[in-house]
């Protein structure tokens, strides 16, 4: 692998409140071999995992609805988004994380999950890499109401939605979370619920 054409990296801490925001100044070598100075702000929030829960018998998926301040500030009057269950890895491996998060958010206890892929959420600004999974659920896997953890001030509504309706929500703009869009499209392409 070719070495990145950068040098003179200077990292300055801008914020260390909830996650970490750094300003990076560096020199970058252009294809014509000239060096240019660049500056980027990079937000470090840790890696995450998300899952599409699906039931082949009922042809349904489990999604969650929760308040997101950035969507409220952008264009969603109520700030609520419909999403896949997801969470930050913390000290867990991706599989442990998504099994834990699934139970916390939805009340469904999974024994196994299938990893689909991993990718950067927004590589221009975030260091976060998301690990994407699918998991098949049945009604007997429900061990609690879900809704998230009070200790994390989570207020999560659990939605069991017919897959066809979830696709309609995607197409009419009611689902606008990229992670959710990608996993719903994965389910369509791979015919998980046909």
N, C-alpha and C. Protein backbone atom coordinates (compact mmCIF):
# COMPACT_ATOMS: atom_id res chain seq x y z
N UNK A 1 0.84 -1.17 0.00
CA UNK A 1 0.00 0.00 0.00
C UNK A 1 0.89 1.24 0.00
N UNK A 2 0.51 2.20 -0.82
CA UNK A 2 1.27 3.44 -0.94
C UNK A 2 1.12 4.28 0.33
N UNK A 3 2.21 4.89 0.75
CA UNK A 3 2.21 5.75 1.93
C UNK A 3 1.47 7.05 1.61
N UNK A 4 0.67 7.53 2.57
CA UNK A 4 -0.06 8.79 2.38
C UNK A 4 0.93 9.93 2.17
N UNK A 5 0.67 10.81 1.19
CA UNK A 5 1.61 11.91 0.90
C UNK A 5 1.38 13.10 1.82
N UNK A 6 1.57 12.90 3.13
CA UNK A 6 1.40 13.99 4.08
C UNK A 6 2.61 14.10 5.01
N UNK A 7 2.82 15.31 5.53
CA UNK A 7 3.91 15.54 6.49
C UNK A 7 3.54 16.74 7.36
N UNK A 8 4.33 16.96 8.40
CA UNK A 8 4.15 18.11 9.30
C UNK A 8 2.75 18.17 9.91
N UNK A 9 2.29 17.06 10.43
CA UNK A 9 0.95 17.00 11.02
C UNK A 9 0.97 17.65 12.40
N UNK A 10 0.08 18.63 12.61
CA UNK A 10 -0.07 19.28 13.90
C UNK A 10 -1.52 19.09 14.34
N UNK A 11 -1.71 18.48 15.51
CA UNK A 11 -3.04 18.15 16.03
C UNK A 11 -3.35 19.03 17.24
N UNK A 12 -4.48 19.74 17.18
CA UNK A 12 -4.89 20.64 18.26
C UNK A 12 -6.26 20.21 18.78
N UNK A 13 -6.38 20.04 20.08
CA UNK A 13 -7.66 19.66 20.69
C UNK A 13 -8.58 20.88 20.71
N UNK A 14 -9.79 20.71 20.13
CA UNK A 14 -10.79 21.78 20.12
C UNK A 14 -11.88 21.55 21.16
N UNK A 15 -12.24 20.27 21.36
CA UNK A 15 -13.30 19.96 22.32
C UNK A 15 -13.10 18.55 22.84
N UNK A 16 -13.40 18.38 24.12
CA UNK A 16 -13.28 17.07 24.76
C UNK A 16 -14.47 16.88 25.70
N UNK A 17 -15.66 17.27 25.25
CA UNK A 17 -16.85 17.21 26.09
C UNK A 17 -17.47 15.82 26.07
N UNK A 18 -18.19 15.50 25.03
CA UNK A 18 -18.85 14.19 24.93
C UNK A 18 -17.99 13.23 24.13
N UNK A 19 -17.53 13.70 22.98
CA UNK A 19 -16.54 13.00 22.17
C UNK A 19 -15.39 13.98 21.96
N UNK A 20 -14.48 13.68 21.05
CA UNK A 20 -13.30 14.52 20.89
C UNK A 20 -13.26 15.13 19.50
N UNK A 21 -13.00 16.43 19.45
CA UNK A 21 -12.87 17.16 18.19
C UNK A 21 -11.46 17.74 18.13
N UNK A 22 -10.74 17.39 17.05
CA UNK A 22 -9.38 17.89 16.83
C UNK A 22 -9.33 18.72 15.55
N UNK A 23 -8.44 19.69 15.54
CA UNK A 23 -8.10 20.40 14.31
C UNK A 23 -6.74 19.87 13.88
N UNK A 24 -6.62 19.47 12.63
CA UNK A 24 -5.37 18.95 12.10
C UNK A 24 -4.87 19.86 10.99
N UNK A 25 -3.65 20.34 11.14
CA UNK A 25 -2.96 21.09 10.09
C UNK A 25 -1.88 20.17 9.56
N UNK A 26 -1.72 20.14 8.23
CA UNK A 26 -0.72 19.25 7.64
C UNK A 26 -0.39 19.72 6.23
N UNK A 27 0.71 19.20 5.73
CA UNK A 27 1.11 19.45 4.34
C UNK A 27 0.78 18.21 3.52
N UNK A 28 0.19 18.44 2.35
CA UNK A 28 -0.25 17.35 1.47
C UNK A 28 0.42 17.52 0.11
N UNK A 29 0.98 16.40 -0.40
CA UNK A 29 1.66 16.46 -1.69
C UNK A 29 0.67 16.17 -2.82
N UNK A 30 0.55 17.10 -3.74
CA UNK A 30 -0.35 16.98 -4.87
C UNK A 30 0.26 16.05 -5.93
N UNK A 31 -0.55 15.61 -6.90
CA UNK A 31 -0.01 14.72 -7.95
C UNK A 31 1.16 15.32 -8.73
N UNK A 32 1.22 16.68 -8.83
CA UNK A 32 2.35 17.30 -9.55
C UNK A 32 3.57 17.48 -8.64
N UNK A 33 3.52 16.88 -7.43
CA UNK A 33 4.58 16.84 -6.43
C UNK A 33 4.78 18.15 -5.66
N UNK A 34 3.89 19.13 -5.86
CA UNK A 34 3.95 20.34 -5.04
C UNK A 34 3.27 20.04 -3.71
N UNK A 35 3.71 20.78 -2.67
CA UNK A 35 3.13 20.60 -1.34
C UNK A 35 2.18 21.75 -1.05
N UNK A 36 1.00 21.42 -0.52
CA UNK A 36 0.02 22.44 -0.14
C UNK A 36 -0.34 22.23 1.33
N UNK A 37 -0.60 23.34 2.01
CA UNK A 37 -1.01 23.25 3.41
C UNK A 37 -2.52 23.06 3.47
N UNK A 38 -2.98 22.13 4.33
CA UNK A 38 -4.41 21.88 4.49
C UNK A 38 -4.76 21.83 5.97
N UNK A 39 -6.05 22.09 6.26
CA UNK A 39 -6.55 22.01 7.63
C UNK A 39 -7.88 21.25 7.58
N UNK A 40 -8.05 20.34 8.54
CA UNK A 40 -9.30 19.58 8.66
C UNK A 40 -9.65 19.49 10.14
N UNK A 41 -10.95 19.44 10.42
CA UNK A 41 -11.43 19.14 11.76
C UNK A 41 -11.94 17.72 11.75
N UNK A 42 -11.52 16.92 12.74
CA UNK A 42 -11.86 15.51 12.79
C UNK A 42 -12.52 15.21 14.13
N UNK A 43 -13.69 14.60 14.04
CA UNK A 43 -14.48 14.26 15.22
C UNK A 43 -14.27 12.78 15.53
N UNK A 44 -13.79 12.49 16.73
CA UNK A 44 -13.51 11.12 17.13
C UNK A 44 -14.56 10.67 18.14
N UNK A 45 -15.42 9.72 17.73
CA UNK A 45 -16.50 9.29 18.60
C UNK A 45 -16.49 7.78 18.84
N UNK A 46 -15.50 7.10 18.34
CA UNK A 46 -15.46 5.64 18.48
C UNK A 46 -16.19 4.97 17.34
N UNK A 47 -16.02 3.67 17.25
CA UNK A 47 -16.66 2.90 16.19
C UNK A 47 -18.02 2.40 16.67
N UNK A 48 -18.87 2.01 15.72
CA UNK A 48 -20.22 1.59 16.07
C UNK A 48 -20.65 0.34 15.34
N UNK A 49 -21.83 -0.13 15.70
CA UNK A 49 -22.43 -1.30 15.05
C UNK A 49 -23.93 -1.06 14.92
N UNK A 50 -24.50 -1.55 13.83
CA UNK A 50 -25.94 -1.44 13.60
C UNK A 50 -26.47 -2.74 13.02
N UNK A 51 -27.78 -2.97 13.17
CA UNK A 51 -28.36 -4.24 12.74
C UNK A 51 -29.74 -4.06 12.13
N UNK A 52 -30.02 -4.84 11.11
CA UNK A 52 -31.38 -4.97 10.60
C UNK A 52 -31.94 -6.27 11.16
N UNK A 53 -32.94 -6.14 12.01
CA UNK A 53 -33.63 -7.30 12.58
C UNK A 53 -34.81 -7.63 11.68
N UNK A 54 -34.92 -8.91 11.29
CA UNK A 54 -36.01 -9.27 10.38
C UNK A 54 -36.62 -10.60 10.80
N UNK A 55 -37.92 -10.75 10.47
CA UNK A 55 -38.68 -11.97 10.77
C UNK A 55 -39.22 -12.50 9.46
N UNK A 56 -38.74 -13.66 9.05
CA UNK A 56 -39.13 -14.21 7.75
C UNK A 56 -40.56 -14.74 7.73
N UNK A 57 -41.09 -15.14 8.87
CA UNK A 57 -42.46 -15.65 8.94
C UNK A 57 -43.47 -14.51 8.80
N UNK A 58 -43.26 -13.45 9.59
CA UNK A 58 -44.18 -12.32 9.57
C UNK A 58 -43.85 -11.29 8.49
N UNK A 59 -42.65 -11.42 7.88
CA UNK A 59 -42.17 -10.46 6.87
C UNK A 59 -42.10 -9.04 7.45
N UNK A 60 -41.50 -8.95 8.64
CA UNK A 60 -41.39 -7.68 9.34
C UNK A 60 -39.94 -7.37 9.68
N UNK A 61 -39.69 -6.11 9.99
CA UNK A 61 -38.39 -5.66 10.49
C UNK A 61 -38.63 -4.87 11.77
N UNK A 62 -37.63 -4.85 12.62
CA UNK A 62 -37.69 -4.03 13.84
C UNK A 62 -36.83 -2.79 13.61
N UNK A 63 -37.45 -1.64 13.78
CA UNK A 63 -36.75 -0.36 13.70
C UNK A 63 -36.98 0.39 15.00
N UNK A 64 -36.25 1.43 15.22
CA UNK A 64 -36.43 2.24 16.43
C UNK A 64 -36.61 3.70 16.02
N UNK A 65 -37.31 4.43 16.87
CA UNK A 65 -37.53 5.86 16.64
C UNK A 65 -37.02 6.61 17.84
N UNK A 66 -36.15 7.60 17.57
CA UNK A 66 -35.60 8.39 18.67
C UNK A 66 -35.24 9.80 18.23
N UNK A 67 -35.14 10.68 19.21
CA UNK A 67 -34.81 12.07 18.95
C UNK A 67 -33.34 12.22 18.60
N UNK A 68 -33.07 13.03 17.57
CA UNK A 68 -31.70 13.33 17.14
C UNK A 68 -31.57 14.84 16.98
N UNK A 69 -30.79 15.46 17.83
CA UNK A 69 -30.63 16.92 17.79
C UNK A 69 -30.18 17.43 16.42
N UNK A 70 -29.19 16.82 15.76
CA UNK A 70 -28.79 17.35 14.44
C UNK A 70 -29.94 17.35 13.43
N UNK A 71 -30.81 16.33 13.45
CA UNK A 71 -31.93 16.34 12.50
C UNK A 71 -32.95 17.41 12.89
N UNK A 72 -33.12 17.64 14.18
CA UNK A 72 -34.00 18.72 14.64
C UNK A 72 -33.48 20.07 14.14
N UNK A 73 -32.16 20.29 14.26
CA UNK A 73 -31.57 21.55 13.83
C UNK A 73 -31.59 21.71 12.32
N UNK A 74 -31.49 20.59 11.59
CA UNK A 74 -31.45 20.64 10.13
C UNK A 74 -32.81 20.89 9.51
N UNK A 75 -33.65 19.87 9.55
CA UNK A 75 -34.89 19.99 8.78
C UNK A 75 -36.07 19.19 9.31
N UNK A 76 -35.89 18.47 10.41
CA UNK A 76 -36.98 17.68 10.96
C UNK A 76 -37.58 18.46 12.12
N UNK A 77 -38.81 18.91 11.98
CA UNK A 77 -39.43 19.76 13.00
C UNK A 77 -39.49 19.09 14.37
N UNK A 78 -39.73 17.77 14.39
CA UNK A 78 -39.80 17.10 15.70
C UNK A 78 -38.48 16.48 16.11
N UNK A 79 -37.53 16.34 15.19
CA UNK A 79 -36.21 15.80 15.50
C UNK A 79 -36.14 14.29 15.61
N UNK A 80 -37.25 13.57 15.39
CA UNK A 80 -37.26 12.12 15.53
C UNK A 80 -36.91 11.44 14.21
N UNK A 81 -36.05 10.42 14.28
CA UNK A 81 -35.69 9.62 13.11
C UNK A 81 -36.03 8.17 13.36
N UNK A 82 -36.39 7.50 12.27
CA UNK A 82 -36.60 6.05 12.30
C UNK A 82 -35.32 5.41 11.80
N UNK A 83 -34.77 4.49 12.62
CA UNK A 83 -33.44 3.95 12.36
C UNK A 83 -33.38 2.46 12.69
N UNK A 84 -32.27 1.86 12.32
CA UNK A 84 -31.93 0.52 12.80
C UNK A 84 -31.42 0.64 14.23
N UNK A 85 -31.54 -0.41 15.04
CA UNK A 85 -30.86 -0.41 16.34
C UNK A 85 -29.35 -0.32 16.11
N UNK A 86 -28.68 0.50 16.92
CA UNK A 86 -27.24 0.69 16.73
C UNK A 86 -26.63 1.22 18.02
N UNK A 87 -25.31 1.15 18.10
CA UNK A 87 -24.63 1.67 19.27
C UNK A 87 -23.14 1.77 19.08
N UNK A 88 -22.49 2.41 20.04
CA UNK A 88 -21.04 2.56 20.03
C UNK A 88 -20.40 1.32 20.64
N UNK A 89 -19.29 0.88 20.06
CA UNK A 89 -18.64 -0.36 20.51
C UNK A 89 -18.16 -0.30 21.95
N UNK A 90 -17.74 0.85 22.43
CA UNK A 90 -17.10 0.95 23.75
C UNK A 90 -15.95 -0.04 23.79
N UNK A 91 -15.95 -0.97 24.72
CA UNK A 91 -14.86 -1.95 24.84
C UNK A 91 -15.20 -3.29 24.19
N UNK A 92 -16.40 -3.41 23.65
CA UNK A 92 -16.85 -4.68 23.06
C UNK A 92 -16.33 -4.86 21.64
N UNK A 93 -16.35 -6.11 21.17
CA UNK A 93 -16.14 -6.34 19.75
C UNK A 93 -17.48 -6.04 19.06
N UNK A 94 -17.51 -5.87 17.75
CA UNK A 94 -18.75 -5.48 17.07
C UNK A 94 -19.92 -6.43 17.32
N UNK A 95 -19.69 -7.75 17.33
CA UNK A 95 -20.78 -8.71 17.55
C UNK A 95 -21.36 -8.57 18.96
N UNK A 96 -20.49 -8.48 19.96
CA UNK A 96 -20.97 -8.31 21.34
C UNK A 96 -21.76 -7.02 21.48
N UNK A 97 -21.24 -5.95 20.86
CA UNK A 97 -21.90 -4.65 20.93
C UNK A 97 -23.31 -4.72 20.37
N UNK A 98 -23.47 -5.29 19.17
CA UNK A 98 -24.79 -5.23 18.54
C UNK A 98 -25.78 -6.16 19.23
N UNK A 99 -25.31 -7.25 19.78
CA UNK A 99 -26.20 -8.13 20.56
C UNK A 99 -26.67 -7.39 21.82
N UNK A 100 -25.75 -6.70 22.50
CA UNK A 100 -26.10 -5.91 23.69
C UNK A 100 -27.06 -4.78 23.34
N UNK A 101 -26.73 -4.02 22.31
CA UNK A 101 -27.56 -2.88 21.91
C UNK A 101 -28.95 -3.32 21.46
N UNK A 102 -29.03 -4.46 20.78
CA UNK A 102 -30.32 -4.97 20.33
C UNK A 102 -31.23 -5.22 21.51
N UNK A 103 -30.70 -5.86 22.54
CA UNK A 103 -31.53 -6.13 23.72
C UNK A 103 -31.90 -4.84 24.46
N UNK A 104 -30.93 -3.94 24.62
CA UNK A 104 -31.22 -2.68 25.31
C UNK A 104 -32.28 -1.86 24.58
N UNK A 105 -32.16 -1.77 23.27
CA UNK A 105 -33.05 -0.90 22.51
C UNK A 105 -34.39 -1.55 22.15
N UNK A 106 -34.38 -2.86 21.85
CA UNK A 106 -35.60 -3.50 21.34
C UNK A 106 -36.19 -4.54 22.28
N UNK A 107 -35.42 -5.00 23.26
CA UNK A 107 -35.89 -6.06 24.13
C UNK A 107 -35.75 -7.45 23.54
N UNK A 108 -35.11 -7.57 22.39
CA UNK A 108 -34.92 -8.86 21.72
C UNK A 108 -33.53 -9.38 22.04
N UNK A 109 -33.46 -10.60 22.54
CA UNK A 109 -32.18 -11.23 22.89
C UNK A 109 -31.78 -12.17 21.76
N UNK A 110 -30.74 -11.78 21.04
CA UNK A 110 -30.22 -12.58 19.93
C UNK A 110 -29.10 -13.49 20.42
N UNK A 111 -29.01 -14.66 19.82
CA UNK A 111 -27.90 -15.55 20.12
C UNK A 111 -26.78 -15.38 19.09
N UNK A 112 -27.16 -15.04 17.86
CA UNK A 112 -26.15 -14.87 16.82
C UNK A 112 -26.60 -13.80 15.83
N UNK A 113 -25.62 -13.25 15.13
CA UNK A 113 -25.86 -12.24 14.11
C UNK A 113 -24.97 -12.55 12.92
N UNK A 114 -25.29 -11.94 11.78
CA UNK A 114 -24.47 -12.14 10.59
C UNK A 114 -23.87 -10.80 10.19
N UNK A 115 -22.54 -10.72 10.14
CA UNK A 115 -21.89 -9.48 9.72
C UNK A 115 -21.97 -9.35 8.21
N UNK A 116 -22.41 -8.18 7.78
CA UNK A 116 -22.56 -7.91 6.35
C UNK A 116 -21.32 -7.20 5.80
N UNK A 117 -20.95 -6.11 6.44
CA UNK A 117 -19.78 -5.35 6.00
C UNK A 117 -19.47 -4.28 7.04
N UNK A 118 -18.44 -3.51 6.78
CA UNK A 118 -18.11 -2.36 7.62
C UNK A 118 -17.72 -1.22 6.71
N UNK A 119 -17.93 0.00 7.19
CA UNK A 119 -17.59 1.16 6.38
C UNK A 119 -17.57 2.42 7.22
N UNK A 120 -16.92 3.44 6.70
CA UNK A 120 -16.84 4.71 7.39
C UNK A 120 -18.15 5.47 7.23
N UNK A 121 -18.62 6.07 8.32
CA UNK A 121 -19.89 6.78 8.33
C UNK A 121 -19.83 8.06 7.52
N UNK A 122 -18.86 8.88 7.76
CA UNK A 122 -18.67 10.15 7.06
C UNK A 122 -17.18 10.44 7.08
N UNK A 123 -16.42 9.81 6.16
CA UNK A 123 -14.95 9.82 6.25
C UNK A 123 -14.29 11.18 6.13
N UNK A 124 -15.02 12.20 5.72
CA UNK A 124 -14.43 13.53 5.64
C UNK A 124 -14.30 14.20 7.00
N UNK A 125 -15.07 13.73 8.00
CA UNK A 125 -15.07 14.39 9.30
C UNK A 125 -15.03 13.44 10.49
N UNK A 126 -15.52 12.23 10.34
CA UNK A 126 -15.61 11.29 11.46
C UNK A 126 -14.58 10.17 11.33
N UNK A 127 -14.02 9.77 12.48
CA UNK A 127 -13.15 8.59 12.47
C UNK A 127 -13.98 7.31 12.58
N UNK A 128 -15.28 7.44 12.89
CA UNK A 128 -16.15 6.29 13.14
C UNK A 128 -16.24 5.33 11.94
N UNK A 129 -16.06 4.05 12.25
CA UNK A 129 -16.32 2.98 11.29
C UNK A 129 -17.51 2.20 11.82
N UNK A 130 -18.52 2.00 10.99
CA UNK A 130 -19.72 1.24 11.38
C UNK A 130 -19.58 -0.20 10.91
N UNK A 131 -20.01 -1.12 11.78
CA UNK A 131 -20.06 -2.54 11.46
C UNK A 131 -21.54 -2.89 11.30
N UNK A 132 -21.90 -3.42 10.13
CA UNK A 132 -23.30 -3.68 9.81
C UNK A 132 -23.63 -5.17 9.89
N UNK A 133 -24.78 -5.46 10.50
CA UNK A 133 -25.22 -6.84 10.73
C UNK A 133 -26.67 -7.02 10.32
N UNK A 134 -27.04 -8.28 10.13
CA UNK A 134 -28.45 -8.66 10.07
C UNK A 134 -28.65 -9.72 11.14
N UNK A 135 -29.89 -9.81 11.60
CA UNK A 135 -30.22 -10.82 12.60
C UNK A 135 -31.68 -11.21 12.47
N UNK A 136 -31.93 -12.49 12.42
CA UNK A 136 -33.30 -12.96 12.33
C UNK A 136 -33.87 -13.10 13.73
N UNK A 137 -35.10 -12.61 13.93
CA UNK A 137 -35.73 -12.68 15.24
C UNK A 137 -37.07 -13.39 15.14
N UNK A 138 -37.50 -13.91 16.27
CA UNK A 138 -38.84 -14.49 16.41
C UNK A 138 -39.46 -13.91 17.67
N UNK A 139 -40.78 -14.03 17.80
CA UNK A 139 -41.47 -13.43 18.95
C UNK A 139 -40.97 -13.96 20.28
N UNK A 140 -40.53 -15.23 20.33
CA UNK A 140 -40.10 -15.79 21.60
C UNK A 140 -38.74 -15.26 22.07
N UNK A 141 -38.07 -14.43 21.25
CA UNK A 141 -36.80 -13.83 21.64
C UNK A 141 -37.00 -12.53 22.43
N UNK A 142 -38.24 -12.06 22.54
CA UNK A 142 -38.54 -10.82 23.25
C UNK A 142 -38.45 -11.07 24.75
N UNK A 143 -37.50 -10.39 25.43
CA UNK A 143 -37.29 -10.60 26.86
C UNK A 143 -37.64 -9.36 27.69
N UNK A 144 -37.85 -8.22 27.01
CA UNK A 144 -38.25 -6.99 27.70
C UNK A 144 -38.90 -6.05 26.69
N UNK A 145 -39.33 -4.90 27.18
CA UNK A 145 -39.97 -3.91 26.30
C UNK A 145 -38.94 -3.12 25.49
N UNK A 146 -37.66 -3.19 25.87
CA UNK A 146 -36.66 -2.39 25.18
C UNK A 146 -36.81 -0.93 25.55
N UNK A 147 -36.48 -0.06 24.64
CA UNK A 147 -36.62 1.37 24.88
C UNK A 147 -35.34 2.08 25.29
N UNK A 148 -34.25 1.33 25.44
CA UNK A 148 -32.98 1.95 25.81
C UNK A 148 -32.76 1.96 27.30
N UNK A 149 -31.64 2.54 27.69
CA UNK A 149 -31.25 2.59 29.09
C UNK A 149 -31.55 3.95 29.70
N UNK A 150 -32.22 3.94 30.84
CA UNK A 150 -32.49 5.19 31.56
C UNK A 150 -31.18 5.86 31.97
N UNK A 151 -30.16 5.05 32.31
CA UNK A 151 -28.87 5.61 32.72
C UNK A 151 -28.18 6.38 31.59
N UNK A 152 -28.59 6.12 30.34
CA UNK A 152 -28.04 6.85 29.19
C UNK A 152 -29.05 7.87 28.66
N UNK A 153 -30.12 8.10 29.42
CA UNK A 153 -31.19 9.04 29.03
C UNK A 153 -31.76 8.71 27.66
N UNK A 154 -31.90 7.42 27.36
CA UNK A 154 -32.45 7.01 26.08
C UNK A 154 -33.97 6.95 26.15
N UNK A 155 -34.61 7.39 25.10
CA UNK A 155 -36.06 7.36 24.95
C UNK A 155 -36.33 6.80 23.56
N UNK A 156 -36.40 5.49 23.47
CA UNK A 156 -36.47 4.80 22.18
C UNK A 156 -37.81 4.11 22.03
N UNK A 157 -38.48 4.39 20.91
CA UNK A 157 -39.72 3.70 20.59
C UNK A 157 -39.39 2.54 19.65
N UNK A 158 -39.87 1.34 20.00
CA UNK A 158 -39.61 0.15 19.19
C UNK A 158 -40.76 0.00 18.19
N UNK A 159 -40.39 -0.16 16.91
CA UNK A 159 -41.38 -0.29 15.84
C UNK A 159 -41.20 -1.62 15.13
N UNK A 160 -42.25 -2.44 15.11
CA UNK A 160 -42.24 -3.64 14.26
C UNK A 160 -43.04 -3.29 13.02
N UNK A 161 -42.38 -3.28 11.88
CA UNK A 161 -42.96 -2.76 10.66
C UNK A 161 -42.92 -3.83 9.56
N UNK A 162 -44.02 -4.01 8.82
CA UNK A 162 -43.94 -4.89 7.65
C UNK A 162 -42.82 -4.40 6.73
N UNK A 163 -42.04 -5.32 6.20
CA UNK A 163 -40.90 -4.94 5.37
C UNK A 163 -41.34 -4.08 4.19
N UNK A 164 -42.45 -4.43 3.58
CA UNK A 164 -42.96 -3.66 2.44
C UNK A 164 -43.22 -2.21 2.86
N UNK A 165 -43.77 -2.02 4.05
CA UNK A 165 -44.03 -0.66 4.56
C UNK A 165 -42.73 0.08 4.84
N UNK A 166 -41.73 -0.62 5.35
CA UNK A 166 -40.43 0.01 5.61
C UNK A 166 -39.82 0.52 4.30
N UNK A 167 -39.94 -0.25 3.24
CA UNK A 167 -39.42 0.18 1.93
C UNK A 167 -40.20 1.40 1.44
N UNK A 168 -41.51 1.41 1.64
CA UNK A 168 -42.32 2.58 1.26
C UNK A 168 -41.88 3.81 2.06
N UNK A 169 -41.59 3.62 3.35
CA UNK A 169 -41.12 4.73 4.20
C UNK A 169 -39.78 5.27 3.69
N UNK A 170 -38.95 4.38 3.21
CA UNK A 170 -37.67 4.77 2.63
C UNK A 170 -37.92 5.59 1.36
N UNK A 171 -38.81 5.09 0.51
CA UNK A 171 -39.06 5.73 -0.79
C UNK A 171 -39.78 7.07 -0.66
N UNK A 172 -40.62 7.24 0.39
CA UNK A 172 -41.34 8.50 0.52
C UNK A 172 -40.65 9.49 1.46
N UNK A 173 -39.43 9.17 1.90
CA UNK A 173 -38.65 10.11 2.70
C UNK A 173 -38.91 10.09 4.19
N UNK A 174 -39.65 9.10 4.68
CA UNK A 174 -39.86 9.00 6.12
C UNK A 174 -38.71 8.29 6.83
N UNK A 175 -37.90 7.56 6.09
CA UNK A 175 -36.65 7.00 6.62
C UNK A 175 -35.53 7.71 5.87
N UNK A 176 -34.72 8.48 6.63
CA UNK A 176 -33.64 9.24 6.00
C UNK A 176 -32.28 8.99 6.65
N UNK A 177 -32.21 8.01 7.54
CA UNK A 177 -30.95 7.62 8.16
C UNK A 177 -30.19 6.71 7.19
N UNK A 178 -28.99 7.11 6.81
CA UNK A 178 -28.22 6.38 5.80
C UNK A 178 -27.97 4.93 6.19
N UNK A 179 -27.65 4.67 7.47
CA UNK A 179 -27.38 3.29 7.91
C UNK A 179 -28.61 2.42 7.68
N UNK A 180 -29.78 2.97 7.98
CA UNK A 180 -31.03 2.23 7.82
C UNK A 180 -31.33 2.01 6.35
N UNK A 181 -31.14 3.03 5.54
CA UNK A 181 -31.37 2.91 4.10
C UNK A 181 -30.52 1.78 3.51
N UNK A 182 -29.24 1.77 3.87
CA UNK A 182 -28.32 0.77 3.32
C UNK A 182 -28.75 -0.64 3.70
N UNK A 183 -29.11 -0.86 4.97
CA UNK A 183 -29.49 -2.22 5.38
C UNK A 183 -30.85 -2.64 4.82
N UNK A 184 -31.78 -1.71 4.67
CA UNK A 184 -33.05 -2.06 4.02
C UNK A 184 -32.82 -2.43 2.55
N UNK A 185 -31.95 -1.68 1.89
CA UNK A 185 -31.63 -2.00 0.50
C UNK A 185 -30.88 -3.33 0.40
N UNK A 186 -30.02 -3.60 1.38
CA UNK A 186 -29.34 -4.91 1.41
C UNK A 186 -30.39 -6.02 1.48
N UNK A 187 -31.39 -5.85 2.35
CA UNK A 187 -32.45 -6.86 2.49
C UNK A 187 -33.21 -7.02 1.19
N UNK A 188 -33.46 -5.93 0.48
CA UNK A 188 -34.13 -6.01 -0.82
C UNK A 188 -33.29 -6.78 -1.83
N UNK A 189 -32.06 -6.40 -1.96
CA UNK A 189 -31.17 -7.02 -2.95
C UNK A 189 -31.00 -8.50 -2.70
N UNK A 190 -30.84 -8.86 -1.44
CA UNK A 190 -30.58 -10.26 -1.08
C UNK A 190 -31.84 -11.04 -0.75
N UNK A 191 -32.99 -10.40 -0.96
CA UNK A 191 -34.30 -11.04 -0.81
C UNK A 191 -34.45 -11.77 0.54
N UNK A 192 -34.09 -11.05 1.60
CA UNK A 192 -34.18 -11.65 2.94
C UNK A 192 -35.62 -11.94 3.36
N UNK A 193 -36.56 -11.18 2.81
CA UNK A 193 -37.94 -11.32 3.25
C UNK A 193 -38.89 -11.69 2.13
N UNK A 194 -38.41 -12.36 1.11
CA UNK A 194 -39.28 -12.82 0.00
C UNK A 194 -39.78 -14.22 0.26
